[in-house]
Protein backbone atom coordinates (compact mmCIF):
# COMPACT_ATOMS: atom_id res chain seq x y z
CA UNK A 1 0.09 -0.29 -0.34
CA UNK A 2 1.52 3.66 -1.48
CA UNK A 3 0.51 5.36 1.95
CA UNK A 4 1.19 8.49 2.99
CA UNK A 5 4.63 7.81 4.48
CA UNK A 6 5.20 5.04 2.21
CA UNK A 7 5.73 7.50 -0.75
CA UNK A 8 7.67 9.89 1.88
CA UNK A 9 10.10 7.02 2.57
CA UNK A 10 10.22 6.07 -1.03
CA UNK A 11 11.33 9.54 -1.75
CA UNK A 12 14.10 10.24 0.69
CA UNK A 13 15.83 7.38 -0.84
CA UNK A 14 15.60 8.75 -4.14
CA UNK A 15 17.22 11.29 -3.37
CA UNK A 16 20.21 9.91 -0.87
CA UNK A 17 21.15 8.03 -4.17
CA UNK A 18 21.23 10.60 -6.49
CA UNK A 19 23.96 12.29 -4.19
CA UNK A 20 25.81 9.17 -4.25
CA UNK A 21 26.26 8.87 -7.97
CA UNK A 22 27.68 12.67 -8.03
CA UNK A 23 24.45 13.84 -9.52
CA UNK A 24 23.92 17.31 -8.86
CA UNK A 25 21.10 18.27 -7.32
CA UNK A 26 18.34 19.90 -8.05
CA UNK A 27 17.86 23.10 -8.03
CA UNK A 28 16.11 25.39 -4.98
CA UNK A 29 12.70 27.18 -6.81
CA UNK A 30 13.35 30.87 -7.74
CA UNK A 31 12.43 32.27 -4.44
CA UNK A 32 8.32 33.28 -4.73
CA UNK A 33 7.72 36.93 -6.04
CA UNK A 34 6.15 39.49 -3.81
CA UNK A 35 2.19 39.87 -4.57
CA UNK A 36 1.17 42.54 -6.94
CA UNK A 37 -0.34 45.49 -4.66
CA UNK A 38 -3.93 45.87 -5.20
CA UNK A 39 -5.49 47.94 -7.49
CA UNK A 40 -6.78 51.44 -5.85
CA UNK A 41 -10.91 51.41 -5.88
CA UNK A 42 -12.37 53.26 -7.70
CA UNK A 43 -14.03 56.44 -6.00
CA UNK A 44 -17.81 55.61 -4.90
CA UNK A 45 -20.33 58.01 -7.52
CA UNK A 46 -21.76 60.48 -5.58
CA UNK A 47 -25.33 59.45 -3.93
CA UNK A 48 -28.43 61.62 -5.04
CA UNK A 49 -29.15 64.76 -2.66
CA UNK A 50 -32.05 63.52 -0.20
CA UNK A 51 -35.18 64.45 -1.48
CA UNK A 52 -37.13 67.21 0.29
CA UNK A 53 -39.59 65.48 2.82
CA UNK A 54 -43.52 65.77 1.08
CA UNK A 55 -45.72 68.61 3.00
CA UNK A 56 -48.37 67.07 5.03
CA UNK A 57 -51.65 66.80 3.20
CA UNK A 58 -54.02 68.54 5.05
CA UNK A 59 -57.23 66.43 6.63
CA UNK A 60 -60.31 66.72 3.95
CA UNK A 61 -62.99 68.59 5.66
CA UNK A 62 -65.46 66.06 7.31
CA UNK A 63 -68.79 65.87 5.61
CA UNK A 64 -71.80 68.41 6.80
CA UNK A 65 -74.22 65.70 8.61
CA UNK A 66 -77.24 64.45 7.28
CA UNK A 67 -79.98 67.04 7.37
CA UNK A 68 -82.28 66.30 9.79
CA UNK A 69 -86.16 64.96 9.93
CA UNK A 70 -87.17 68.25 10.71
CA UNK A 71 -84.89 69.67 8.00
CA UNK A 72 -86.62 68.60 5.33
CA UNK A 73 -90.83 67.51 4.55
CA UNK A 74 -91.32 64.20 4.04
CA UNK A 75 -94.85 62.82 3.58
CA UNK A 76 -97.29 61.31 6.55
CA UNK A 77 -96.46 58.02 7.03
CA UNK A 78 -99.37 55.44 7.72
CA UNK A 79 -100.03 53.24 10.94
CA UNK A 80 -100.78 49.69 9.26
CA UNK A 81 -102.86 47.82 11.39
CA UNK A 82 -101.36 44.12 11.10
CA UNK A 83 -100.84 42.68 8.34
CA UNK A 84 -103.66 39.71 7.61
CA UNK A 85 -103.02 38.20 4.45
CA UNK A 86 -101.11 38.12 1.20
CA UNK A 87 -102.49 39.01 -1.89
CA UNK A 88 -103.50 35.89 -4.02
CA UNK A 89 -102.73 35.86 -7.73
CA UNK A 90 -104.35 33.39 -10.65
CA UNK A 91 -101.36 32.32 -11.42
CA UNK A 92 -97.82 30.85 -10.67
CA UNK A 93 -94.96 32.91 -9.78
CA UNK A 94 -92.24 34.12 -12.56
CA UNK A 95 -89.20 33.18 -11.45
CA UNK A 96 -86.37 35.66 -12.79
CA UNK A 97 -84.61 32.72 -15.34
CA UNK A 98 -87.93 32.79 -16.94
CA UNK A 99 -88.68 36.64 -16.74
CA UNK A 100 -85.03 37.09 -19.01
CA UNK A 101 -87.04 35.77 -21.86
CA UNK A 102 -89.53 38.90 -21.83
CA UNK A 103 -86.67 41.40 -22.28
CA UNK A 104 -86.94 43.42 -26.08
CA UNK A 105 -91.10 41.23 -26.35
CA UNK A 106 -93.53 44.20 -26.80
CA UNK A 107 -96.05 44.43 -24.67
CA UNK A 108 -100.12 46.29 -23.80
CA UNK A 109 -99.17 48.08 -20.35
CA UNK A 110 -102.58 48.74 -17.72
CA UNK A 111 -103.45 48.74 -14.54
CA UNK A 112 -104.89 49.45 -11.44
CA UNK A 113 -104.15 51.07 -8.34
CA UNK A 114 -105.78 52.01 -4.82
CA UNK A 115 -104.35 55.27 -2.75
CA UNK A 116 -105.45 54.75 1.25
CA UNK A 117 -106.20 58.23 2.03
CA UNK A 118 -106.30 58.88 5.53
CA UNK A 119 -108.46 61.91 7.32
CA UNK A 120 -107.97 63.67 9.84
CA UNK A 121 -109.97 62.90 12.84
CA UNK A 122 -111.75 66.47 12.04
CA UNK A 123 -112.87 64.89 8.96
CA UNK A 124 -116.02 64.03 7.38
CA UNK A 125 -115.77 59.85 6.52
CA UNK A 126 -118.17 60.09 3.58
CA UNK A 127 -117.18 59.82 0.12
CA UNK A 128 -119.47 63.02 -0.50
CA UNK A 129 -117.59 64.87 1.81
CA UNK A 130 -113.91 65.01 0.09
CA UNK A 131 -113.53 67.73 -2.26
CA UNK A 132 -114.57 66.58 -6.09
CA UNK A 133 -111.86 69.69 -7.26
CA UNK A 134 -109.38 67.73 -4.38
CA UNK A 135 -109.70 64.50 -5.75
CA UNK A 136 -109.32 65.39 -9.24
CA UNK A 137 -106.15 67.11 -8.07
CA UNK A 138 -104.72 63.85 -7.13
CA UNK A 139 -106.04 61.80 -9.53
CA UNK A 140 -103.64 64.20 -11.70
CA UNK A 141 -100.96 64.09 -9.85
CA UNK A 142 -100.72 60.19 -9.45
CA UNK A 143 -101.17 60.03 -13.35
CA UNK A 144 -98.10 62.41 -13.87
CA UNK A 145 -96.43 60.34 -11.74
CA UNK A 146 -97.02 57.11 -12.75
CA UNK A 147 -96.84 58.27 -16.44
CA UNK A 148 -92.50 59.21 -15.24
CA UNK A 149 -92.74 55.93 -13.24
CA UNK A 150 -93.43 54.00 -16.65
CA UNK A 151 -91.92 56.17 -19.14
CA UNK A 152 -94.85 55.92 -20.62
CA UNK A 153 -98.60 58.08 -21.56
CA UNK A 154 -100.89 57.04 -18.98
CA UNK A 155 -104.55 58.05 -18.91
CA UNK A 156 -107.43 56.52 -15.98
CA UNK A 157 -110.16 55.24 -16.74
CA UNK A 158 -112.13 54.47 -14.41
CA UNK A 159 -112.72 55.90 -10.26
CA UNK A 160 -114.60 54.95 -6.98
CA UNK A 161 -114.18 56.36 -3.55
CA UNK A 162 -115.66 53.74 -0.62
CA UNK A 163 -114.32 54.57 3.16
CA UNK A 164 -111.72 51.87 3.94
CA UNK A 165 -112.01 50.16 7.78
CA UNK A 166 -110.47 46.58 7.39
CA UNK A 167 -106.57 46.94 8.56
CA UNK A 168 -106.49 50.70 9.71
CA UNK A 169 -105.39 51.30 12.33
CA UNK A 170 -108.12 51.83 16.02
CA UNK A 171 -109.57 55.17 16.18
CA UNK A 172 -108.29 56.29 12.17
CA UNK A 173 -110.95 57.98 9.56
CA UNK A 174 -109.53 56.16 6.19
CA UNK A 175 -110.91 55.97 2.71
CA UNK A 176 -109.82 53.73 -0.78
CA UNK A 177 -109.71 55.93 -3.57
CA UNK A 178 -109.06 53.37 -6.72
CA UNK A 179 -108.38 54.21 -9.85
CA UNK A 180 -107.77 52.13 -13.10
CA UNK A 181 -105.40 52.89 -15.96
CA UNK A 182 -103.96 51.93 -19.95
CA UNK A 183 -100.75 53.25 -21.01
CA UNK A 184 -98.87 53.06 -23.91
CA UNK A 185 -97.50 49.88 -25.76
CA UNK A 186 -94.12 49.10 -24.03
CA UNK A 187 -91.31 48.10 -26.60
CA UNK A 188 -89.77 46.00 -24.31
CA UNK A 189 -92.23 45.12 -21.29
CA UNK A 190 -89.31 42.08 -19.49
CA UNK A 191 -87.43 45.22 -19.28
CA UNK A 192 -90.13 47.36 -17.54
CA UNK A 193 -90.80 44.55 -15.34
CA UNK A 194 -87.17 44.70 -14.03
CA UNK A 195 -86.95 48.08 -13.39
CA UNK A 196 -90.33 47.85 -11.20
CA UNK A 197 -89.50 45.11 -9.37
CA UNK A 198 -86.03 46.16 -8.57
CA UNK A 199 -87.32 49.78 -7.30
CA UNK A 200 -90.69 49.03 -6.27
CA UNK A 201 -89.73 50.59 -2.33
CA UNK A 202 -88.55 53.75 -4.66
CA UNK A 203 -91.49 53.76 -6.85
CA UNK A 204 -94.15 52.96 -3.84
CA UNK A 205 -92.00 56.14 -2.34
CA UNK A 206 -92.39 58.67 -5.23
CA UNK A 207 -95.84 58.29 -6.44
CA UNK A 208 -96.93 58.97 -2.40
CA UNK A 209 -95.26 61.77 -2.41
CA UNK A 210 -96.66 62.98 -5.21
CA UNK A 211 -100.33 62.65 -3.78
CA UNK A 212 -99.04 64.26 -0.94
CA UNK A 213 -96.93 67.34 -0.81
CA UNK A 214 -97.63 70.70 -1.43
CA UNK A 215 -101.23 69.68 -2.25
CA UNK A 216 -102.65 71.65 0.43
CA UNK A 217 -105.45 68.63 1.31
CA UNK A 218 -106.84 70.08 5.00
CA UNK A 219 -108.61 66.68 5.11
CA UNK A 220 -105.73 64.54 4.63
CA UNK A 221 -103.44 63.30 7.42
CA UNK A 222 -101.25 60.20 4.89
CA UNK A 223 -101.37 58.21 2.00
CA UNK A 224 -99.88 55.44 0.69
CA UNK A 225 -99.84 53.38 -2.68
CA UNK A 226 -100.40 50.21 -4.13
CA UNK A 227 -100.65 49.27 -7.86
CA UNK A 228 -101.13 46.18 -9.59
CA UNK A 229 -99.62 46.38 -13.15
CA UNK A 230 -100.04 43.98 -16.11
CA UNK A 231 -98.16 43.33 -19.54
CA UNK A 232 -100.22 41.86 -22.22
CA UNK A 233 -96.92 40.58 -24.42
CA UNK A 234 -97.85 40.03 -27.74
CA UNK A 235 -96.42 38.85 -31.51
CA UNK A 236 -95.32 35.56 -32.50
CA UNK A 237 -93.07 35.00 -30.07
CA UNK A 238 -95.64 35.62 -27.30
CA UNK A 239 -96.41 32.20 -28.19
CA UNK A 240 -93.21 30.53 -26.73
CA UNK A 241 -92.70 32.37 -23.56
CA UNK A 242 -92.39 30.12 -20.93
CA UNK A 243 -95.06 31.67 -18.15
CA UNK A 244 -97.99 32.40 -20.52
CA UNK A 245 -98.96 36.46 -21.81
CA UNK A 246 -99.90 37.47 -19.26
CA UNK A 247 -97.40 39.21 -16.29
CA UNK A 248 -98.54 40.99 -13.41
CA UNK A 249 -96.02 42.65 -11.17
CA UNK A 250 -97.17 44.21 -7.61
CA UNK A 251 -96.17 47.63 -6.24
CA UNK A 252 -96.95 48.82 -2.69
CA UNK A 253 -98.92 47.44 0.29
CA UNK A 254 -102.68 47.71 0.95
CA UNK A 255 -104.39 47.73 4.65
CA UNK A 256 -104.47 44.55 6.15
CA UNK A 257 -101.69 43.20 3.31
CA UNK A 258 -98.16 42.04 2.96
CA UNK A 259 -96.38 44.99 1.70
CA UNK A 260 -95.33 43.09 -1.74
CA UNK A 261 -92.26 45.34 -3.02
CA UNK A 262 -89.62 43.59 -4.88
CA UNK A 263 -92.05 40.26 -5.19
CA UNK A 264 -91.93 38.86 -8.25
CA UNK A 265 -94.37 39.00 -11.36
CA UNK A 266 -97.13 36.56 -11.31
CA UNK A 267 -98.63 34.55 -14.37
CA UNK A 268 -102.29 35.12 -15.30
CA UNK A 269 -104.55 32.96 -16.84
CA UNK A 270 -105.51 33.88 -20.15
CA UNK A 271 -109.08 33.36 -21.82
CA UNK A 272 -108.74 32.47 -25.39
CA UNK A 273 -110.69 35.52 -26.46
CA UNK A 274 -107.81 37.54 -24.78
CA UNK A 275 -105.07 35.80 -26.70
CA UNK A 276 -106.89 36.54 -29.39
CA UNK A 277 -106.70 39.95 -28.50
CA UNK A 278 -103.82 40.19 -28.62
CA UNK A 279 -102.53 38.19 -30.99
CA UNK A 280 -104.59 40.73 -33.15
CA UNK A 281 -101.74 43.17 -32.05
CA UNK A 282 -99.27 41.37 -34.31
C-alpha cells in the first residue's frame, strides 16, 4: 500500500541515491515574487441628494351632517294594522330566469291603483264629503308621477271611492281611492318589469309623495299606494314564452295585506278571447 508515510520514505531514498552517484542536486526553487499591490479602488459615485420631505397633506374637511327629518319635508306615514293576508294572484310567481325570456318583447300595459287615504280626525269620512276638485287634483298628480315611472303615457279610465275600515289602525278614519288605467304599449315589456320589481320601494315612495306633498289637502293626514300593473305580451314569439302572455307586477301595500315590493311577477291565465286579442296586435 502506498500510504503517505511510505511515499515519503521512498522520496528520501531517491534523494540519497542521487548524492552517491554524483548527480548534481536539484536546484532550489526561485524565491516567490511578492504579491502585486492591490489596485486602488474606484472612487464611489456621489450619492443623489436626499429628496426634500413631502409636506403633510391637510386632512379633508368632515362631511356636512345629513339634514334631520325636521329640516326636509316628508310625506306623512300611514299606520297599518298587522298584515293578515297576502294578495293572491291567479297564477304562479315567475322565476327571474323565466323573466329573461320576456326582454325585448312588446307588451300592452294597464293596471289598477288603490290609494289608501288617512283623514284627519275632524274630517267627515263620507265619500261625498271629499272635495271633488281635490280628488281630481290627486288623480292628475298620481297620473303624472306614474307616467314618469313607466316612461309611458297614462290615461285614467275609471275611479271610485269608498270608506276604508279593514287593516287600518284604531281610531283612524280612512278612505280608498281606486283607479284603473291604460298606458301606451311598451316596446320592451320585460325590461320595464325588471325595473318595477327592482325599484318598487322607491317608486312607491315617489308616488306617495306626489299625492301628498305641497298639495294643500286640509283633510288628508297620510296616504299609501298599491299598484297592480299588467303586461300583455304579443307577437309571434309571445306564444312561446315560458309563463304565458300575461304577467302582473305588484308594488306597495294595501291595508291588511303584506307589502309586495320586490315580489316576482305573477303569471295570469288568459282566456282564448284575450289571447286572440293580444295576437291581433302583432
